[in-house]
Amino acid sequence: MLICTKKAAELTGLSAYELRHGFKQGLYPALEVGRGSRRKSLRWDPEILQQAIRDAMCTRKAVGDQDDFVFRR
């Protein structure tokens, strides 16, 4: 079952902006539905999204244990 961004935000505790931004960065998987650039909306699979968030958190912990900082522009 696919859910809209608003429901995905409620389910995960992330904001809708964080989900959309994470999708654009390739962190969170979603389906783009609709025609044209302005009418497209995102649909999320809750199980896959939860797993992607867990994977991102594990990666962040592993990288966060190092003393080096990575700056992106």
PDB file of N, CA and C in Angstrom:
ATOM      1  N   MET A   1       0.843  -1.172   0.000  1.00  0.00           N
ATOM      2  CA  MET A   1       0.000   0.000   0.000  1.00  0.00           C
ATOM      3  C   MET A   1       0.891   1.239   0.000  1.00  0.00           C
ATOM      4  N   LEU A   2       0.622   2.160  -0.872  1.00  0.00           N
ATOM      5  CA  LEU A   2       1.386   3.400  -0.959  1.00  0.00           C
ATOM      6  C   LEU A   2       0.636   4.516  -0.245  1.00  0.00           C
ATOM      7  N   ILE A   3       1.392   5.409   0.400  1.00  0.00           N
ATOM      8  CA  ILE A   3       0.780   6.509   1.131  1.00  0.00           C
ATOM      9  C   ILE A   3       1.333   7.836   0.621  1.00  0.00           C
ATOM     10  N   CYS A   4       0.599   8.923   0.901  1.00  0.00           N
ATOM     11  CA  CYS A   4       1.026  10.257   0.453  1.00  0.00           C
ATOM     12  C   CYS A   4       2.122  10.779   1.390  1.00  0.00           C
ATOM     13  N   THR A   5       2.716  11.894   1.005  1.00  0.00           N
ATOM     14  CA  THR A   5       3.815  12.476   1.767  1.00  0.00           C
ATOM     15  C   THR A   5       3.368  12.896   3.163  1.00  0.00           C
ATOM     16  N   LYS A   6       2.176  13.446   3.278  1.00  0.00           N
ATOM     17  CA  LYS A   6       1.678  13.906   4.574  1.00  0.00           C
ATOM     18  C   LYS A   6       1.565  12.740   5.561  1.00  0.00           C
ATOM     19  N   LYS A   7       1.005  11.623   5.104  1.00  0.00           N
ATOM     20  CA  LYS A   7       0.867  10.449   5.977  1.00  0.00           C
ATOM     21  C   LYS A   7       2.230   9.836   6.285  1.00  0.00           C
ATOM     22  N   ALA A   8       3.143   9.864   5.302  1.00  0.00           N
ATOM     23  CA  ALA A   8       4.490   9.338   5.533  1.00  0.00           C
ATOM     24  C   ALA A   8       5.217  10.179   6.585  1.00  0.00           C
ATOM     25  N   ALA A   9       4.987  11.483   6.565  1.00  0.00           N
ATOM     26  CA  ALA A   9       5.596  12.358   7.560  1.00  0.00           C
ATOM     27  C   ALA A   9       5.058  12.042   8.954  1.00  0.00           C
ATOM     28  N   GLU A  10       3.770  11.829   9.055  1.00  0.00           N
ATOM     29  CA  GLU A  10       3.169  11.479  10.345  1.00  0.00           C
ATOM     30  C   GLU A  10       3.694  10.138  10.855  1.00  0.00           C
ATOM     31  N   LEU A  11       3.846   9.189   9.954  1.00  0.00           N
ATOM     32  CA  LEU A  11       4.298   7.851  10.321  1.00  0.00           C
ATOM     33  C   LEU A  11       5.750   7.842  10.785  1.00  0.00           C
ATOM     34  N   THR A  12       6.601   8.595  10.108  1.00  0.00           N
ATOM     35  CA  THR A  12       8.035   8.554  10.396  1.00  0.00           C
ATOM     36  C   THR A  12       8.489   9.581  11.421  1.00  0.00           C
ATOM     37  N   GLY A  13       7.725  10.639  11.599  1.00  0.00           N
ATOM     38  CA  GLY A  13       8.154  11.709  12.497  1.00  0.00           C
ATOM     39  C   GLY A  13       9.024  12.739  11.809  1.00  0.00           C
ATOM     40  N   LEU A  14       9.284  12.551  10.529  1.00  0.00           N
ATOM     41  CA  LEU A  14      10.018  13.539   9.751  1.00  0.00           C
ATOM     42  C   LEU A  14       9.026  14.522   9.144  1.00  0.00           C
ATOM     43  N   SER A  15       9.499  15.699   8.778  1.00  0.00           N
ATOM     44  CA  SER A  15       8.607  16.654   8.131  1.00  0.00           C
ATOM     45  C   SER A  15       8.456  16.289   6.658  1.00  0.00           C
ATOM     46  N   ALA A  16       7.412  16.802   6.040  1.00  0.00           N
ATOM     47  CA  ALA A  16       7.190  16.560   4.612  1.00  0.00           C
ATOM     48  C   ALA A  16       8.361  17.120   3.803  1.00  0.00           C
ATOM     49  N   TYR A  17       8.888  18.268   4.235  1.00  0.00           N
ATOM     50  CA  TYR A  17      10.041  18.858   3.551  1.00  0.00           C
ATOM     51  C   TYR A  17      11.247  17.921   3.613  1.00  0.00           C
ATOM     52  N   GLU A  18      11.518  17.354   4.795  1.00  0.00           N
ATOM     53  CA  GLU A  18      12.654  16.441   4.948  1.00  0.00           C
ATOM     54  C   GLU A  18      12.506  15.219   4.045  1.00  0.00           C
ATOM     55  N   LEU A  19      11.294  14.713   3.923  1.00  0.00           N
ATOM     56  CA  LEU A  19      11.065  13.561   3.048  1.00  0.00           C
ATOM     57  C   LEU A  19      11.294  13.915   1.592  1.00  0.00           C
ATOM     58  N   ARG A  20      10.728  15.044   1.143  1.00  0.00           N
ATOM     59  CA  ARG A  20      10.911  15.453  -0.258  1.00  0.00           C
ATOM     60  C   ARG A  20      12.375  15.732  -0.556  1.00  0.00           C
ATOM     61  N   HIS A  21      13.041  16.426   0.355  1.00  0.00           N
ATOM     62  CA  HIS A  21      14.454  16.743   0.163  1.00  0.00           C
ATOM     63  C   HIS A  21      15.297  15.462   0.148  1.00  0.00           C
ATOM     64  N   GLY A  22      15.010  14.541   1.052  1.00  0.00           N
ATOM     65  CA  GLY A  22      15.715  13.265   1.081  1.00  0.00           C
ATOM     66  C   GLY A  22      15.486  12.450  -0.184  1.00  0.00           C
ATOM     67  N   PHE A  23      14.281  12.546  -0.740  1.00  0.00           N
ATOM     68  CA  PHE A  23      13.995  11.867  -2.006  1.00  0.00           C
ATOM     69  C   PHE A  23      14.854  12.454  -3.122  1.00  0.00           C
ATOM     70  N   LYS A  24      14.940  13.776  -3.179  1.00  0.00           N
ATOM     71  CA  LYS A  24      15.736  14.429  -4.228  1.00  0.00           C
ATOM     72  C   LYS A  24      17.216  14.108  -4.091  1.00  0.00           C
ATOM     73  N   GLN A  25      17.683  13.908  -2.854  1.00  0.00           N
ATOM     74  CA  GLN A  25      19.080  13.559  -2.619  1.00  0.00           C
ATOM     75  C   GLN A  25      19.357  12.067  -2.805  1.00  0.00           C
ATOM     76  N   GLY A  26      18.303  11.274  -2.936  1.00  0.00           N
ATOM     77  CA  GLY A  26      18.472   9.840  -3.125  1.00  0.00           C
ATOM     78  C   GLY A  26      18.514   9.051  -1.827  1.00  0.00           C
ATOM     79  N   LEU A  27      18.148   9.670  -0.703  1.00  0.00           N
ATOM     80  CA  LEU A  27      18.158   8.960   0.578  1.00  0.00           C
ATOM     81  C   LEU A  27      16.931   8.085   0.771  1.00  0.00           C
ATOM     82  N   TYR A  28      15.779   8.575   0.353  1.00  0.00           N
ATOM     83  CA  TYR A  28      14.524   7.878   0.601  1.00  0.00           C
ATOM     84  C   TYR A  28      13.853   7.513  -0.718  1.00  0.00           C
ATOM     85  N   PRO A  29      13.454   6.250  -0.875  1.00  0.00           N
ATOM     86  CA  PRO A  29      12.803   5.822  -2.113  1.00  0.00           C
ATOM     87  C   PRO A  29      11.317   6.177  -2.127  1.00  0.00           C
ATOM     88  N   ALA A  30      10.839   6.648  -3.266  1.00  0.00           N
ATOM     89  CA  ALA A  30       9.418   6.975  -3.442  1.00  0.00           C
ATOM     90  C   ALA A  30       9.090   6.886  -4.927  1.00  0.00           C
ATOM     91  N   LEU A  31       7.807   6.900  -5.218  1.00  0.00           N
ATOM     92  CA  LEU A  31       7.344   6.913  -6.603  1.00  0.00           C
ATOM     93  C   LEU A  31       6.787   8.287  -6.927  1.00  0.00           C
ATOM     94  N   GLU A  32       7.176   8.827  -8.081  1.00  0.00           N
ATOM     95  CA  GLU A  32       6.596  10.085  -8.545  1.00  0.00           C
ATOM     96  C   GLU A  32       5.354   9.752  -9.366  1.00  0.00           C
ATOM     97  N   VAL A  33       4.246  10.367  -9.014  1.00  0.00           N
ATOM     98  CA  VAL A  33       2.983  10.088  -9.677  1.00  0.00           C
ATOM     99  C   VAL A  33       2.441  11.393 -10.240  1.00  0.00           C
ATOM    100  N   GLY A  34       1.968  11.365 -11.483  1.00  0.00           N
ATOM    101  CA  GLY A  34       1.357  12.545 -12.074  1.00  0.00           C
ATOM    102  C   GLY A  34       2.062  12.973 -13.340  1.00  0.00           C
ATOM    103  N   ARG A  35       1.466  13.956 -13.983  1.00  0.00           N
ATOM    104  CA  ARG A  35       2.018  14.481 -15.220  1.00  0.00           C
ATOM    105  C   ARG A  35       2.535  15.886 -15.011  1.00  0.00           C
ATOM    106  N   GLY A  36       3.544  16.243 -15.794  1.00  0.00           N
ATOM    107  CA  GLY A  36       4.097  17.580 -15.707  1.00  0.00           C
ATOM    108  C   GLY A  36       4.950  17.753 -14.456  1.00  0.00           C
ATOM    109  N   SER A  37       5.698  18.812 -14.427  1.00  0.00           N
ATOM    110  CA  SER A  37       6.600  19.024 -13.294  1.00  0.00           C
ATOM    111  C   SER A  37       5.871  19.559 -12.070  1.00  0.00           C
ATOM    112  N   ARG A  38       4.791  20.287 -12.243  1.00  0.00           N
ATOM    113  CA  ARG A  38       4.094  20.887 -11.109  1.00  0.00           C
ATOM    114  C   ARG A  38       3.058  19.961 -10.490  1.00  0.00           C
ATOM    115  N   ARG A  39       2.563  19.003 -11.231  1.00  0.00           N
ATOM    116  CA  ARG A  39       1.488  18.145 -10.732  1.00  0.00           C
ATOM    117  C   ARG A  39       1.970  16.839 -10.138  1.00  0.00           C
ATOM    118  N   LYS A  40       3.253  16.588 -10.187  1.00  0.00           N
ATOM    119  CA  LYS A  40       3.761  15.324  -9.660  1.00  0.00           C
ATOM    120  C   LYS A  40       3.690  15.328  -8.143  1.00  0.00           C
ATOM    121  N   SER A  41       3.327  14.193  -7.612  1.00  0.00           N
ATOM    122  CA  SER A  41       3.351  14.011  -6.161  1.00  0.00           C
ATOM    123  C   SER A  41       4.100  12.722  -5.864  1.00  0.00           C
ATOM    124  N   LEU A  42       4.511  12.578  -4.635  1.00  0.00           N
ATOM    125  CA  LEU A  42       5.280  11.404  -4.237  1.00  0.00           C
ATOM    126  C   LEU A  42       4.388  10.440  -3.476  1.00  0.00           C
ATOM    127  N   ARG A  43       4.593   9.158  -3.707  1.00  0.00           N
ATOM    128  CA  ARG A  43       3.909   8.095  -2.974  1.00  0.00           C
ATOM    129  C   ARG A  43       4.979   7.217  -2.346  1.00  0.00           C
ATOM    130  N   TRP A  44       4.752   6.839  -1.101  1.00  0.00           N
ATOM    131  CA  TRP A  44       5.742   6.143  -0.299  1.00  0.00           C
ATOM    132  C   TRP A  44       5.225   4.778   0.126  1.00  0.00           C
ATOM    133  N   ASP A  45       6.103   3.793   0.130  1.00  0.00           N
ATOM    134  CA  ASP A  45       5.813   2.489   0.720  1.00  0.00           C
ATOM    135  C   ASP A  45       6.338   2.547   2.153  1.00  0.00           C
ATOM    136  N   PRO A  46       5.463   2.446   3.152  1.00  0.00           N
ATOM    137  CA  PRO A  46       5.890   2.635   4.545  1.00  0.00           C
ATOM    138  C   PRO A  46       7.019   1.706   4.996  1.00  0.00           C
ATOM    139  N   GLU A  47       6.960   0.442   4.605  1.00  0.00           N
ATOM    140  CA  GLU A  47       7.980  -0.514   5.038  1.00  0.00           C
ATOM    141  C   GLU A  47       9.344  -0.184   4.437  1.00  0.00           C
ATOM    142  N   ILE A  48       9.365   0.121   3.153  1.00  0.00           N
ATOM    143  CA  ILE A  48      10.630   0.445   2.492  1.00  0.00           C
ATOM    144  C   ILE A  48      11.187   1.762   3.021  1.00  0.00           C
ATOM    145  N   LEU A  49      10.308   2.722   3.283  1.00  0.00           N
ATOM    146  CA  LEU A  49      10.741   4.009   3.825  1.00  0.00           C
ATOM    147  C   LEU A  49      11.345   3.841   5.214  1.00  0.00           C
ATOM    148  N   GLN A  50      10.695   3.060   6.080  1.00  0.00           N
ATOM    149  CA  GLN A  50      11.220   2.826   7.427  1.00  0.00           C
ATOM    150  C   GLN A  50      12.610   2.170   7.359  1.00  0.00           C
ATOM    151  N   GLN A  51      12.771   1.211   6.460  1.00  0.00           N
ATOM    152  CA  GLN A  51      14.065   0.540   6.304  1.00  0.00           C
ATOM    153  C   GLN A  51      15.127   1.517   5.799  1.00  0.00           C
ATOM    154  N   ALA A  52      14.772   2.383   4.863  1.00  0.00           N
ATOM    155  CA  ALA A  52      15.727   3.368   4.338  1.00  0.00           C
ATOM    156  C   ALA A  52      16.154   4.339   5.440  1.00  0.00           C
ATOM    157  N   ILE A  53      15.228   4.723   6.305  1.00  0.00           N
ATOM    158  CA  ILE A  53      15.559   5.618   7.417  1.00  0.00           C
ATOM    159  C   ILE A  53      16.500   4.914   8.391  1.00  0.00           C
ATOM    160  N   ARG A  54      16.220   3.646   8.700  1.00  0.00           N
ATOM    161  CA  ARG A  54      17.113   2.885   9.590  1.00  0.00           C
ATOM    162  C   ARG A  54      18.506   2.770   8.985  1.00  0.00           C
ATOM    163  N   ASP A  55      18.579   2.480   7.681  1.00  0.00           N
ATOM    164  CA  ASP A  55      19.879   2.371   7.008  1.00  0.00           C
ATOM    165  C   ASP A  55      20.628   3.694   7.046  1.00  0.00           C
ATOM    166  N   ALA A  56      19.913   4.787   6.826  1.00  0.00           N
ATOM    167  CA  ALA A  56      20.549   6.111   6.859  1.00  0.00           C
ATOM    168  C   ALA A  56      21.071   6.431   8.253  1.00  0.00           C
ATOM    169  N   MET A  57      20.319   6.044   9.278  1.00  0.00           N
ATOM    170  CA  MET A  57      20.750   6.297  10.653  1.00  0.00           C
ATOM    171  C   MET A  57      21.981   5.464  11.000  1.00  0.00           C
ATOM    172  N   CYS A  58      22.022   4.222  10.560  1.00  0.00           N
ATOM    173  CA  CYS A  58      23.187   3.368  10.820  1.00  0.00           C
ATOM    174  C   CYS A  58      24.421   3.919  10.117  1.00  0.00           C
ATOM    175  N   THR A  59      24.254   4.371   8.898  1.00  0.00           N
ATOM    176  CA  THR A  59      25.360   4.955   8.143  1.00  0.00           C
ATOM    177  C   THR A  59      25.844   6.217   8.828  1.00  0.00           C
ATOM    178  N   ARG A  60      24.917   7.022   9.310  1.00  0.00           N
ATOM    179  CA  ARG A  60      25.277   8.271   9.972  1.00  0.00           C
ATOM    180  C   ARG A  60      26.045   7.996  11.259  1.00  0.00           C
ATOM    181  N   LYS A  61      25.639   6.971  12.019  1.00  0.00           N
ATOM    182  CA  LYS A  61      26.350   6.615  13.249  1.00  0.00           C
ATOM    183  C   LYS A  61      27.766   6.150  12.931  1.00  0.00           C
ATOM    184  N   ALA A  62      27.901   5.322  11.889  1.00  0.00           N
ATOM    185  CA  ALA A  62      29.212   4.797  11.519  1.00  0.00           C
ATOM    186  C   ALA A  62      30.149   5.925  11.093  1.00  0.00           C
ATOM    187  N   VAL A  63      29.641   6.867  10.344  1.00  0.00           N
ATOM    188  CA  VAL A  63      30.461   7.993   9.888  1.00  0.00           C
ATOM    189  C   VAL A  63      30.688   8.964  11.035  1.00  0.00           C
ATOM    190  N   GLY A  64      29.710   9.114  11.930  1.00  0.00           N
ATOM    191  CA  GLY A  64      29.802  10.057  13.035  1.00  0.00           C
ATOM    192  C   GLY A  64      30.822   9.666  14.090  1.00  0.00           C
ATOM    193  N   ASP A  65      31.253   8.413  14.126  1.00  0.00           N
ATOM    194  CA  ASP A  65      32.232   7.972  15.114  1.00  0.00           C
ATOM    195  C   ASP A  65      33.644   8.438  14.769  1.00  0.00           C
ATOM    196  N   GLN A  66      33.851   8.886  13.555  1.00  0.00           N
ATOM    197  CA  GLN A  66      35.170   9.340  13.148  1.00  0.00           C
ATOM    198  C   GLN A  66      35.379  10.787  13.576  1.00  0.00           C
ATOM    199  N   ASP A  67      36.642  11.173  13.701  1.00  0.00           N
ATOM    200  CA  ASP A  67      36.971  12.537  14.097  1.00  0.00           C
ATOM    201  C   ASP A  67      37.003  13.492  12.895  1.00  0.00           C
ATOM    202  N   ASP A  68      37.018  12.959  11.691  1.00  0.00           N
ATOM    203  CA  ASP A  68      37.095  13.791  10.500  1.00  0.00           C
ATOM    204  C   ASP A  68      35.731  14.382  10.162  1.00  0.00           C
ATOM    205  N   PHE A  69      35.760  15.571   9.625  1.00  0.00           N
ATOM    206  CA  PHE A  69      34.529  16.221   9.178  1.00  0.00           C
ATOM    207  C   PHE A  69      34.550  16.310   7.668  1.00  0.00           C
ATOM    208  N   VAL A  70      33.389  16.101   7.067  1.00  0.00           N
ATOM    209  CA  VAL A  70      33.253  16.192   5.625  1.00  0.00           C
ATOM    210  C   VAL A  70      32.328  17.356   5.330  1.00  0.00           C
ATOM    211  N   PHE A  71      32.829  18.313   4.585  1.00  0.00           N
ATOM    212  CA  PHE A  71      32.019  19.475   4.214  1.00  0.00           C
ATOM    213  C   PHE A  71      31.606  19.320   2.758  1.00  0.00           C
ATOM    214  N   ARG A  72      30.327  19.507   2.518  1.00  0.00           N
ATOM    215  CA  ARG A  72      29.812  19.423   1.143  1.00  0.00           C
ATOM    216  C   ARG A  72      29.314  20.786   0.737  1.00  0.00           C
ATOM    217  N   ARG A  73      29.443  21.056  -0.517  1.00  0.00           N
ATOM    218  CA  ARG A  73      28.964  22.320  -1.047  1.00  0.00           C
ATOM    219  C   ARG A  73      27.958  22.068  -2.108  1.00  0.00           C
TER     220      ARG A  73
END
